[in-house]
PDB file of N, CA and C in Angstrom:
ATOM      1  N   MET A   1     150.038  51.223 100.171  1.00  0.00           N
ATOM      2  CA  MET A   1     150.064  52.395  99.319  1.00  0.00           C
ATOM      3  C   MET A   1     150.816  52.061  98.047  1.00  0.00           C
ATOM      4  N   SER A   2     150.413  52.620  96.945  1.00  0.00           N
ATOM      5  CA  SER A   2     151.017  52.382  95.648  1.00  0.00           C
ATOM      6  C   SER A   2     152.384  53.048  95.537  1.00  0.00           C
ATOM      7  N   ALA A   3     153.160  52.584  94.580  1.00  0.00           N
ATOM      8  CA  ALA A   3     154.430  53.228  94.259  1.00  0.00           C
ATOM      9  C   ALA A   3     154.132  54.579  93.613  1.00  0.00           C
ATOM     10  N   ALA A   4     155.182  55.325  93.329  1.00  0.00           N
ATOM     11  CA  ALA A   4     154.998  56.630  92.687  1.00  0.00           C
ATOM     12  C   ALA A   4     154.427  56.450  91.281  1.00  0.00           C
ATOM     13  N   ALA A   5     153.631  57.420  90.859  1.00  0.00           N
ATOM     14  CA  ALA A   5     153.053  57.390  89.518  1.00  0.00           C
ATOM     15  C   ALA A   5     154.156  57.473  88.473  1.00  0.00           C
ATOM     16  N   ASN A   6     153.996  56.696  87.412  1.00  0.00           N
ATOM     17  CA  ASN A   6     154.954  56.670  86.317  1.00  0.00           C
ATOM     18  C   ASN A   6     154.305  57.327  85.095  1.00  0.00           C
ATOM     19  N   PRO A   7     154.685  58.562  84.790  1.00  0.00           N
ATOM     20  CA  PRO A   7     154.064  59.258  83.665  1.00  0.00           C
ATOM     21  C   PRO A   7     154.288  58.550  82.324  1.00  0.00           C
ATOM     22  N   LEU A   8     155.345  57.772  82.207  1.00  0.00           N
ATOM     23  CA  LEU A   8     155.592  57.041  80.965  1.00  0.00           C
ATOM     24  C   LEU A   8     154.550  55.949  80.739  1.00  0.00           C
ATOM     25  N   ARG A   9     153.890  55.518  81.803  1.00  0.00           N
ATOM     26  CA  ARG A   9     152.822  54.519  81.703  1.00  0.00           C
ATOM     27  C   ARG A   9     151.451  55.180  81.670  1.00  0.00           C
ATOM     28  N   GLY A  10     151.420  56.495  81.618  1.00  0.00           N
ATOM     29  CA  GLY A  10     150.148  57.204  81.609  1.00  0.00           C
ATOM     30  C   GLY A  10     149.514  57.311  82.974  1.00  0.00           C
ATOM     31  N   GLU A  11     150.307  57.149  84.020  1.00  0.00           N
ATOM     32  CA  GLU A  11     149.793  57.193  85.386  1.00  0.00           C
ATOM     33  C   GLU A  11     149.801  58.626  85.920  1.00  0.00           C
ATOM     34  N   ALA A  12     148.952  58.849  86.898  1.00  0.00           N
ATOM     35  CA  ALA A  12     148.871  60.140  87.577  1.00  0.00           C
ATOM     36  C   ALA A  12     148.775  59.877  89.068  1.00  0.00           C
ATOM     37  N   GLU A  13     148.949  60.933  89.846  1.00  0.00           N
ATOM     38  CA  GLU A  13     148.883  60.818  91.300  1.00  0.00           C
ATOM     39  C   GLU A  13     147.675  61.585  91.820  1.00  0.00           C
ATOM     40  N   LEU A  14     147.004  60.983  92.802  1.00  0.00           N
ATOM     41  CA  LEU A  14     145.889  61.632  93.474  1.00  0.00           C
ATOM     42  C   LEU A  14     146.107  61.499  94.971  1.00  0.00           C
ATOM     43  N   ARG A  15     146.014  62.610  95.684  1.00  0.00           N
ATOM     44  CA  ARG A  15     146.177  62.584  97.141  1.00  0.00           C
ATOM     45  C   ARG A  15     144.809  62.368  97.775  1.00  0.00           C
ATOM     46  N   ILE A  16     144.742  61.334  98.607  1.00  0.00           N
ATOM     47  CA  ILE A  16     143.514  60.994  99.319  1.00  0.00           C
ATOM     48  C   ILE A  16     143.880  60.832 100.782  1.00  0.00           C
ATOM     49  N   GLY A  17     143.286  61.649 101.627  1.00  0.00           N
ATOM     50  CA  GLY A  17     143.585  61.560 103.051  1.00  0.00           C
ATOM     51  C   GLY A  17     145.050  61.766 103.365  1.00  0.00           C
ATOM     52  N   GLY A  18     145.708  62.646 102.618  1.00  0.00           N
ATOM     53  CA  GLY A  18     147.111  62.945 102.865  1.00  0.00           C
ATOM     54  C   GLY A  18     148.086  61.941 102.273  1.00  0.00           C
ATOM     55  N   ARG A  19     147.590  60.911 101.613  1.00  0.00           N
ATOM     56  CA  ARG A  19     148.467  59.896 101.021  1.00  0.00           C
ATOM     57  C   ARG A  19     148.354  59.929  99.501  1.00  0.00           C
ATOM     58  N   ALA A  20     149.470  59.688  98.845  1.00  0.00           N
ATOM     59  CA  ALA A  20     149.491  59.650  97.392  1.00  0.00           C
ATOM     60  C   ALA A  20     149.033  58.278  96.903  1.00  0.00           C
ATOM     61  N   HIS A  21     148.149  58.287  95.920  1.00  0.00           N
ATOM     62  CA  HIS A  21     147.664  57.061  95.295  1.00  0.00           C
ATOM     63  C   HIS A  21     147.876  57.180  93.790  1.00  0.00           C
ATOM     64  N   VAL A  22     148.208  56.067  93.169  1.00  0.00           N
ATOM     65  CA  VAL A  22     148.453  56.048  91.729  1.00  0.00           C
ATOM     66  C   VAL A  22     147.152  55.778  90.982  1.00  0.00           C
ATOM     67  N   LEU A  23     146.908  56.590  89.978  1.00  0.00           N
ATOM     68  CA  LEU A  23     145.806  56.374  89.047  1.00  0.00           C
ATOM     69  C   LEU A  23     146.403  55.779  87.780  1.00  0.00           C
ATOM     70  N   ARG A  24     145.934  54.594  87.417  1.00  0.00           N
ATOM     71  CA  ARG A  24     146.459  53.900  86.239  1.00  0.00           C
ATOM     72  C   ARG A  24     145.289  53.581  85.304  1.00  0.00           C
ATOM     73  N   PRO A  25     145.239  54.236  84.145  1.00  0.00           N
ATOM     74  CA  PRO A  25     144.126  54.009  83.223  1.00  0.00           C
ATOM     75  C   PRO A  25     144.326  52.729  82.394  1.00  0.00           C
ATOM     76  N   SER A  26     144.286  51.593  83.076  1.00  0.00           N
ATOM     77  CA  SER A  26     144.441  50.313  82.382  1.00  0.00           C
ATOM     78  C   SER A  26     143.171  50.008  81.580  1.00  0.00           C
ATOM     79  N   PHE A  27     143.265  49.023  80.708  1.00  0.00           N
ATOM     80  CA  PHE A  27     142.105  48.616  79.921  1.00  0.00           C
ATOM     81  C   PHE A  27     140.950  48.228  80.840  1.00  0.00           C
ATOM     82  N   ALA A  28     141.244  47.403  81.838  1.00  0.00           N
ATOM     83  CA  ALA A  28     140.195  46.943  82.760  1.00  0.00           C
ATOM     84  C   ALA A  28     139.574  48.118  83.508  1.00  0.00           C
ATOM     85  N   ALA A  29     140.393  49.064  83.937  1.00  0.00           N
ATOM     86  CA  ALA A  29     139.879  50.230  84.668  1.00  0.00           C
ATOM     87  C   ALA A  29     138.976  51.077  83.780  1.00  0.00           C
ATOM     88  N   LEU A  30     139.388  51.279  82.542  1.00  0.00           N
ATOM     89  CA  LEU A  30     138.596  52.108  81.638  1.00  0.00           C
ATOM     90  C   LEU A  30     137.312  51.408  81.208  1.00  0.00           C
ATOM     91  N   VAL A  31     137.350  50.084  81.061  1.00  0.00           N
ATOM     92  CA  VAL A  31     136.132  49.339  80.741  1.00  0.00           C
ATOM     93  C   VAL A  31     135.135  49.464  81.888  1.00  0.00           C
ATOM     94  N   ALA A  32     135.622  49.357  83.120  1.00  0.00           N
ATOM     95  CA  ALA A  32     134.749  49.497  84.290  1.00  0.00           C
ATOM     96  C   ALA A  32     134.175  50.911  84.367  1.00  0.00           C
ATOM     97  N   ALA A  33     135.007  51.907  84.097  1.00  0.00           N
ATOM     98  CA  ALA A  33     134.532  53.294  84.116  1.00  0.00           C
ATOM     99  C   ALA A  33     133.485  53.511  83.025  1.00  0.00           C
ATOM    100  N   GLU A  34     133.739  52.959  81.849  1.00  0.00           N
ATOM    101  CA  GLU A  34     132.800  53.117  80.742  1.00  0.00           C
ATOM    102  C   GLU A  34     131.468  52.429  81.034  1.00  0.00           C
ATOM    103  N   ALA A  35     131.520  51.267  81.689  1.00  0.00           N
ATOM    104  CA  ALA A  35     130.289  50.560  82.044  1.00  0.00           C
ATOM    105  C   ALA A  35     129.419  51.403  82.969  1.00  0.00           C
ATOM    106  N   GLU A  36     130.047  52.184  83.812  1.00  0.00           N
ATOM    107  CA  GLU A  36     129.294  53.031  84.744  1.00  0.00           C
ATOM    108  C   GLU A  36     128.934  54.380  84.151  1.00  0.00           C
ATOM    109  N   LEU A  37     129.856  54.981  83.407  1.00  0.00           N
ATOM    110  CA  LEU A  37     129.707  56.376  82.994  1.00  0.00           C
ATOM    111  C   LEU A  37     129.252  56.570  81.550  1.00  0.00           C
ATOM    112  N   GLY A  38     129.226  55.504  80.785  1.00  0.00           N
ATOM    113  CA  GLY A  38     128.889  55.625  79.377  1.00  0.00           C
ATOM    114  C   GLY A  38     130.158  55.763  78.547  1.00  0.00           C
ATOM    115  N   PRO A  39     129.996  55.989  77.247  1.00  0.00           N
ATOM    116  CA  PRO A  39     131.149  56.046  76.344  1.00  0.00           C
ATOM    117  C   PRO A  39     132.212  57.043  76.819  1.00  0.00           C
ATOM    118  N   LEU A  40     133.456  56.608  76.771  1.00  0.00           N
ATOM    119  CA  LEU A  40     134.554  57.454  77.259  1.00  0.00           C
ATOM    120  C   LEU A  40     134.755  58.684  76.387  1.00  0.00           C
ATOM    121  N   PHE A  41     134.527  58.560  75.080  1.00  0.00           N
ATOM    122  CA  PHE A  41     134.689  59.732  74.232  1.00  0.00           C
ATOM    123  C   PHE A  41     133.684  60.817  74.634  1.00  0.00           C
ATOM    124  N   ALA A  42     132.467  60.419  74.979  1.00  0.00           N
ATOM    125  CA  ALA A  42     131.462  61.381  75.447  1.00  0.00           C
ATOM    126  C   ALA A  42     131.898  62.005  76.767  1.00  0.00           C
ATOM    127  N   LEU A  43     132.542  61.208  77.618  1.00  0.00           N
ATOM    128  CA  LEU A  43     133.069  61.726  78.888  1.00  0.00           C
ATOM    129  C   LEU A  43     134.123  62.807  78.624  1.00  0.00           C
ATOM    130  N   VAL A  44     135.007  62.535  77.680  1.00  0.00           N
ATOM    131  CA  VAL A  44     136.040  63.510  77.318  1.00  0.00           C
ATOM    132  C   VAL A  44     135.388  64.783  76.771  1.00  0.00           C
ATOM    133  N   GLU A  45     134.375  64.613  75.935  1.00  0.00           N
ATOM    134  CA  GLU A  45     133.678  65.785  75.386  1.00  0.00           C
ATOM    135  C   GLU A  45     133.010  66.608  76.490  1.00  0.00           C
ATOM    136  N   ARG A  46     132.374  65.914  77.451  1.00  0.00           N
ATOM    137  CA  ARG A  46     131.753  66.645  78.568  1.00  0.00           C
ATOM    138  C   ARG A  46     132.815  67.405  79.361  1.00  0.00           C
ATOM    139  N   ALA A  47     133.948  66.768  79.577  1.00  0.00           N
ATOM    140  CA  ALA A  47     135.028  67.437  80.308  1.00  0.00           C
ATOM    141  C   ALA A  47     135.511  68.665  79.550  1.00  0.00           C
ATOM    142  N   ALA A  48     135.669  68.534  78.240  1.00  0.00           N
ATOM    143  CA  ALA A  48     136.140  69.660  77.426  1.00  0.00           C
ATOM    144  C   ALA A  48     135.139  70.815  77.433  1.00  0.00           C
ATOM    145  N   ASP A  49     133.859  70.474  77.535  1.00  0.00           N
ATOM    146  CA  ASP A  49     132.811  71.502  77.550  1.00  0.00           C
ATOM    147  C   ASP A  49     132.513  72.028  78.948  1.00  0.00           C
ATOM    148  N   GLY A  50     133.257  71.523  79.953  1.00  0.00           N
ATOM    149  CA  GLY A  50     133.023  71.952  81.326  1.00  0.00           C
ATOM    150  C   GLY A  50     131.805  71.296  81.952  1.00  0.00           C
ATOM    151  N   GLY A  51     131.350  70.182  81.379  1.00  0.00           N
ATOM    152  CA  GLY A  51     130.147  69.523  81.860  1.00  0.00           C
ATOM    153  C   GLY A  51     130.386  68.253  82.643  1.00  0.00           C
ATOM    154  N   LEU A  52     131.631  67.991  83.023  1.00  0.00           N
ATOM    155  CA  LEU A  52     131.941  66.790  83.800  1.00  0.00           C
ATOM    156  C   LEU A  52     131.459  67.009  85.231  1.00  0.00           C
ATOM    157  N   THR A  53     130.670  66.065  85.729  1.00  0.00           N
ATOM    158  CA  THR A  53     130.144  66.215  87.078  1.00  0.00           C
ATOM    159  C   THR A  53     131.141  65.694  88.111  1.00  0.00           C
ATOM    160  N   LEU A  54     130.936  66.112  89.340  1.00  0.00           N
ATOM    161  CA  LEU A  54     131.779  65.658  90.433  1.00  0.00           C
ATOM    162  C   LEU A  54     131.687  64.138  90.597  1.00  0.00           C
ATOM    163  N   SER A  55     130.495  63.592  90.453  1.00  0.00           N
ATOM    164  CA  SER A  55     130.343  62.136  90.589  1.00  0.00           C
ATOM    165  C   SER A  55     131.061  61.403  89.462  1.00  0.00           C
ATOM    166  N   GLU A  56     131.060  61.947  88.250  1.00  0.00           N
ATOM    167  CA  GLU A  56     131.791  61.321  87.141  1.00  0.00           C
ATOM    168  C   GLU A  56     133.293  61.367  87.386  1.00  0.00           C
ATOM    169  N   LEU A  57     133.760  62.483  87.872  1.00  0.00           N
ATOM    170  CA  LEU A  57     135.176  62.638  88.171  1.00  0.00           C
ATOM    171  C   LEU A  57     135.614  61.635  89.236  1.00  0.00           C
ATOM    172  N   ALA A  58     134.859  61.545  90.312  1.00  0.00           N
ATOM    173  CA  ALA A  58     135.183  60.608  91.383  1.00  0.00           C
ATOM    174  C   ALA A  58     135.115  59.164  90.889  1.00  0.00           C
ATOM    175  N   ALA A  59     134.131  58.849  90.057  1.00  0.00           N
ATOM    176  CA  ALA A  59     133.995  57.490  89.524  1.00  0.00           C
ATOM    177  C   ALA A  59     135.195  57.130  88.641  1.00  0.00           C
ATOM    178  N   LEU A  60     135.611  58.039  87.783  1.00  0.00           N
ATOM    179  CA  LEU A  60     136.771  57.774  86.930  1.00  0.00           C
ATOM    180  C   LEU A  60     138.013  57.531  87.775  1.00  0.00           C
ATOM    181  N   PHE A  61     138.226  58.376  88.762  1.00  0.00           N
ATOM    182  CA  PHE A  61     139.374  58.185  89.654  1.00  0.00           C
ATOM    183  C   PHE A  61     139.269  56.855  90.396  1.00  0.00           C
ATOM    184  N   TRP A  62     138.090  56.519  90.887  1.00  0.00           N
ATOM    185  CA  TRP A  62     137.892  55.277  91.637  1.00  0.00           C
ATOM    186  C   TRP A  62     138.269  54.061  90.783  1.00  0.00           C
ATOM    187  N   HIS A  63     137.781  54.047  89.567  1.00  0.00           N
ATOM    188  CA  HIS A  63     138.054  52.903  88.700  1.00  0.00           C
ATOM    189  C   HIS A  63     139.523  52.829  88.294  1.00  0.00           C
ATOM    190  N   CYS A  64     140.198  53.974  88.241  1.00  0.00           N
ATOM    191  CA  CYS A  64     141.594  53.999  87.804  1.00  0.00           C
ATOM    192  C   CYS A  64     142.602  53.858  88.941  1.00  0.00           C
ATOM    193  N   LEU A  65     142.148  53.731  90.168  1.00  0.00           N
ATOM    194  CA  LEU A  65     143.097  53.516  91.268  1.00  0.00           C
ATOM    195  C   LEU A  65     143.862  52.220  91.025  1.00  0.00           C
ATOM    196  N   ALA A  66     145.182  52.313  91.026  1.00  0.00           N
ATOM    197  CA  ALA A  66     146.011  51.129  90.782  1.00  0.00           C
ATOM    198  C   ALA A  66     145.870  50.121  91.915  1.00  0.00           C
ATOM    199  N   GLU A  67     145.784  50.611  93.129  1.00  0.00           N
ATOM    200  CA  GLU A  67     145.595  49.773  94.319  1.00  0.00           C
ATOM    201  C   GLU A  67     144.548  50.438  95.193  1.00  0.00           C
ATOM    202  N   ARG A  68     143.693  49.621  95.766  1.00  0.00           N
ATOM    203  CA  ARG A  68     142.687  50.149  96.689  1.00  0.00           C
ATOM    204  C   ARG A  68     142.870  49.491  98.049  1.00  0.00           C
ATOM    205  N   PRO A  69     143.507  50.198  98.959  1.00  0.00           N
ATOM    206  CA  PRO A  69     143.607  49.654 100.313  1.00  0.00           C
ATOM    207  C   PRO A  69     142.205  49.341 100.835  1.00  0.00           C
ATOM    208  N   GLU A  70     142.087  48.316 101.628  1.00  0.00           N
ATOM    209  CA  GLU A  70     140.784  47.867 102.106  1.00  0.00           C
ATOM    210  C   GLU A  70     139.987  48.979 102.789  1.00  0.00           C
ATOM    211  N   ALA A  71     140.676  49.856 103.477  1.00  0.00           N
ATOM    212  CA  ALA A  71     139.992  50.930 104.211  1.00  0.00           C
ATOM    213  C   ALA A  71     139.563  52.088 103.306  1.00  0.00           C
ATOM    214  N   LEU A  72     140.057  52.141 102.084  1.00  0.00           N
ATOM    215  CA  LEU A  72     139.727  53.238 101.175  1.00  0.00           C
ATOM    216  C   LEU A  72     138.338  53.026 100.586  1.00  0.00           C
ATOM    217  N   THR A  73     137.516  54.053 100.665  1.00  0.00           N
ATOM    218  CA  THR A  73     136.165  53.979 100.122  1.00  0.00           C
ATOM    219  C   THR A  73     136.025  54.929  98.942  1.00  0.00           C
ATOM    220  N   ARG A  74     135.005  54.670  98.164  1.00  0.00           N
ATOM    221  CA  ARG A  74     134.716  55.547  97.035  1.00  0.00           C
ATOM    222  C   ARG A  74     134.348  56.942  97.535  1.00  0.00           C
ATOM    223  N   GLU A  75     133.660  57.002  98.655  1.00  0.00           N
ATOM    224  CA  GLU A  75     133.297  58.293  99.236  1.00  0.00           C
ATOM    225  C   GLU A  75     134.543  59.087  99.611  1.00  0.00           C
ATOM    226  N   ALA A  76     135.587  58.403 100.076  1.00  0.00           N
ATOM    227  CA  ALA A  76     136.838  59.080 100.426  1.00  0.00           C
ATOM    228  C   ALA A  76     137.482  59.689  99.189  1.00  0.00           C
ATOM    229  N   VAL A  77     137.350  59.026  98.058  1.00  0.00           N
ATOM    230  CA  VAL A  77     137.882  59.575  96.806  1.00  0.00           C
ATOM    231  C   VAL A  77     137.127  60.866  96.470  1.00  0.00           C
ATOM    232  N   GLY A  78     135.806  60.819  96.549  1.00  0.00           N
ATOM    233  CA  GLY A  78     135.005  62.016  96.287  1.00  0.00           C
ATOM    234  C   GLY A  78     135.318  63.140  97.258  1.00  0.00           C
ATOM    235  N   GLU A  79     135.471  62.797  98.524  1.00  0.00           N
ATOM    236  CA  GLU A  79     135.801  63.812  99.531  1.00  0.00           C
ATOM    237  C   GLU A  79     137.180  64.419  99.270  1.00  0.00           C
ATOM    238  N   ALA A  80     138.121  63.603  98.776  1.00  0.00           N
ATOM    239  CA  ALA A  80     139.460  64.117  98.458  1.00  0.00           C
ATOM    240  C   ALA A  80     139.387  65.118  97.314  1.00  0.00           C
ATOM    241  N   VAL A  81     138.527  64.855  96.344  1.00  0.00           N
ATOM    242  CA  VAL A  81     138.351  65.792  95.236  1.00  0.00           C
ATOM    243  C   VAL A  81     137.805  67.115  95.763  1.00  0.00           C
ATOM    244  N   VAL A  82     136.799  67.032  96.614  1.00  0.00           N
ATOM    245  CA  VAL A  82     136.195  68.251  97.178  1.00  0.00           C
ATOM    246  C   VAL A  82     137.190  68.982  98.072  1.00  0.00           C
ATOM    247  N   ALA A  83     137.894  68.239  98.925  1.00  0.00           N
ATOM    248  CA  ALA A  83     138.835  68.857  99.865  1.00  0.00           C
ATOM    249  C   ALA A  83     139.985  69.543  99.142  1.00  0.00           C
ATOM    250  N   GLY A  84     140.501  68.902  98.108  1.00  0.00           N
ATOM    251  CA  GLY A  84     141.624  69.472  97.375  1.00  0.00           C
ATOM    252  C   GLY A  84     141.218  70.546  96.389  1.00  0.00           C
ATOM    253  N   GLY A  85     139.979  70.485  95.949  1.00  0.00           N
ATOM    254  CA  GLY A  85     139.497  71.435  94.956  1.00  0.00           C
ATOM    255  C   GLY A  85     139.799  70.953  93.541  1.00  0.00           C
ATOM    256  N   LEU A  86     139.033  71.469  92.627  1.00  0.00           N
ATOM    257  CA  LEU A  86     139.183  71.054  91.230  1.00  0.00           C
ATOM    258  C   LEU A  86     140.548  71.402  90.661  1.00  0.00           C
ATOM    259  N   ALA A  87     141.124  72.509  91.089  1.00  0.00           N
ATOM    260  CA  ALA A  87     142.443  72.886  90.575  1.00  0.00           C
ATOM    261  C   ALA A  87     143.497  71.848  90.947  1.00  0.00           C
ATOM    262  N   ALA A  88     143.364  71.257  92.126  1.00  0.00           N
ATOM    263  CA  ALA A  88     144.358  70.275  92.580  1.00  0.00           C
ATOM    264  C   ALA A  88     144.241  68.953  91.840  1.00  0.00           C
ATOM    265  N   VAL A  89     143.034  68.576  91.397  1.00  0.00           N
ATOM    266  CA  VAL A  89     142.872  67.282  90.723  1.00  0.00           C
ATOM    267  C   VAL A  89     142.900  67.392  89.202  1.00  0.00           C
ATOM    268  N   THR A  90     142.898  68.607  88.685  1.00  0.00           N
ATOM    269  CA  THR A  90     142.909  68.791  87.231  1.00  0.00           C
ATOM    270  C   THR A  90     144.123  68.156  86.555  1.00  0.00           C
ATOM    271  N   PRO A  91     145.338  68.245  87.115  1.00  0.00           N
ATOM    272  CA  PRO A  91     146.460  67.574  86.451  1.00  0.00           C
ATOM    273  C   PRO A  91     146.247  66.058  86.299  1.00  0.00           C
ATOM    274  N   ALA A  92     145.717  65.406  87.320  1.00  0.00           N
ATOM    275  CA  ALA A  92     145.453  63.965  87.228  1.00  0.00           C
ATOM    276  C   ALA A  92     144.372  63.690  86.192  1.00  0.00           C
ATOM    277  N   LEU A  93     143.330  64.499  86.187  1.00  0.00           N
ATOM    278  CA  LEU A  93     142.261  64.339  85.209  1.00  0.00           C
ATOM    279  C   LEU A  93     142.793  64.517  83.794  1.00  0.00           C
ATOM    280  N   ARG A  94     143.647  65.509  83.612  1.00  0.00           N
ATOM    281  CA  ARG A  94     144.219  65.773  82.292  1.00  0.00           C
ATOM    282  C   ARG A  94     145.015  64.557  81.788  1.00  0.00           C
ATOM    283  N   VAL A  95     145.777  63.938  82.673  1.00  0.00           N
ATOM    284  CA  VAL A  95     146.548  62.748  82.301  1.00  0.00           C
ATOM    285  C   VAL A  95     145.610  61.619  81.886  1.00  0.00           C
ATOM    286  N   LEU A  96     144.583  61.358  82.683  1.00  0.00           N
ATOM    287  CA  LEU A  96     143.653  60.270  82.366  1.00  0.00           C
ATOM    288  C   LEU A  96     142.914  60.523  81.059  1.00  0.00           C
ATOM    289  N   LEU A  97     142.423  61.739  80.870  1.00  0.00           N
ATOM    290  CA  LEU A  97     141.717  62.055  79.627  1.00  0.00           C
ATOM    291  C   LEU A  97     142.645  61.957  78.424  1.00  0.00           C
ATOM    292  N   GLY A  98     143.891  62.372  78.609  1.00  0.00           N
ATOM    293  CA  GLY A  98     144.875  62.241  77.533  1.00  0.00           C
ATOM    294  C   GLY A  98     145.108  60.788  77.159  1.00  0.00           C
ATOM    295  N   GLN A  99     145.151  59.911  78.150  1.00  0.00           N
ATOM    296  CA  GLN A  99     145.346  58.493  77.873  1.00  0.00           C
ATOM    297  C   GLN A  99     144.138  57.893  77.180  1.00  0.00           C
ATOM    298  N   ILE A 100     142.959  58.358  77.537  1.00  0.00           N
ATOM    299  CA  ILE A 100     141.744  57.875  76.863  1.00  0.00           C
ATOM    300  C   ILE A 100     141.801  58.234  75.380  1.00  0.00           C
ATOM    301  N   LEU A 101     142.247  59.446  75.078  1.00  0.00           N
ATOM    302  CA  LEU A 101     142.284  59.903  73.694  1.00  0.00           C
ATOM    303  C   LEU A 101     143.469  59.348  72.894  1.00  0.00           C
ATOM    304  N   GLN A 102     144.620  59.241  73.544  1.00  0.00           N
ATOM    305  CA  GLN A 102     145.843  58.883  72.826  1.00  0.00           C
ATOM    306  C   GLN A 102     146.259  57.439  72.980  1.00  0.00           C
ATOM    307  N   GLY A 103     145.911  56.834  74.097  1.00  0.00           N
ATOM    308  CA  GLY A 103     146.430  55.492  74.385  1.00  0.00           C
ATOM    309  C   GLY A 103     147.899  55.577  74.738  1.00  0.00           C
ATOM    310  N   ARG A 104     148.516  54.404  74.868  1.00  0.00           N
ATOM    311  CA  ARG A 104     149.930  54.389  75.239  1.00  0.00           C
ATOM    312  C   ARG A 104     150.771  54.066  74.052  1.00  0.00           C
TER     313      ARG A 104
END
């Protein structure tokens, strides 16, 4: 399991299966997310317009996981989003989108 999220590094926390995981929007993570989801600025615009899909949200979180335990699957990330509800994951999403727009 990852250490606690460090907001000074632009990190956020996501609970998956009752465990806290660190989301770190590193360059490599964002490049991987962009390769799958398209331009990040367009992703931010879709989020601002309320058009971000559940699969896009899960994909962004998946790519930004600082550590992925071998047993953790992408489906588990998506299920954690559904189980916790959008209100529970919005703070983490807000941090990641802020880092995309502002950088560190």
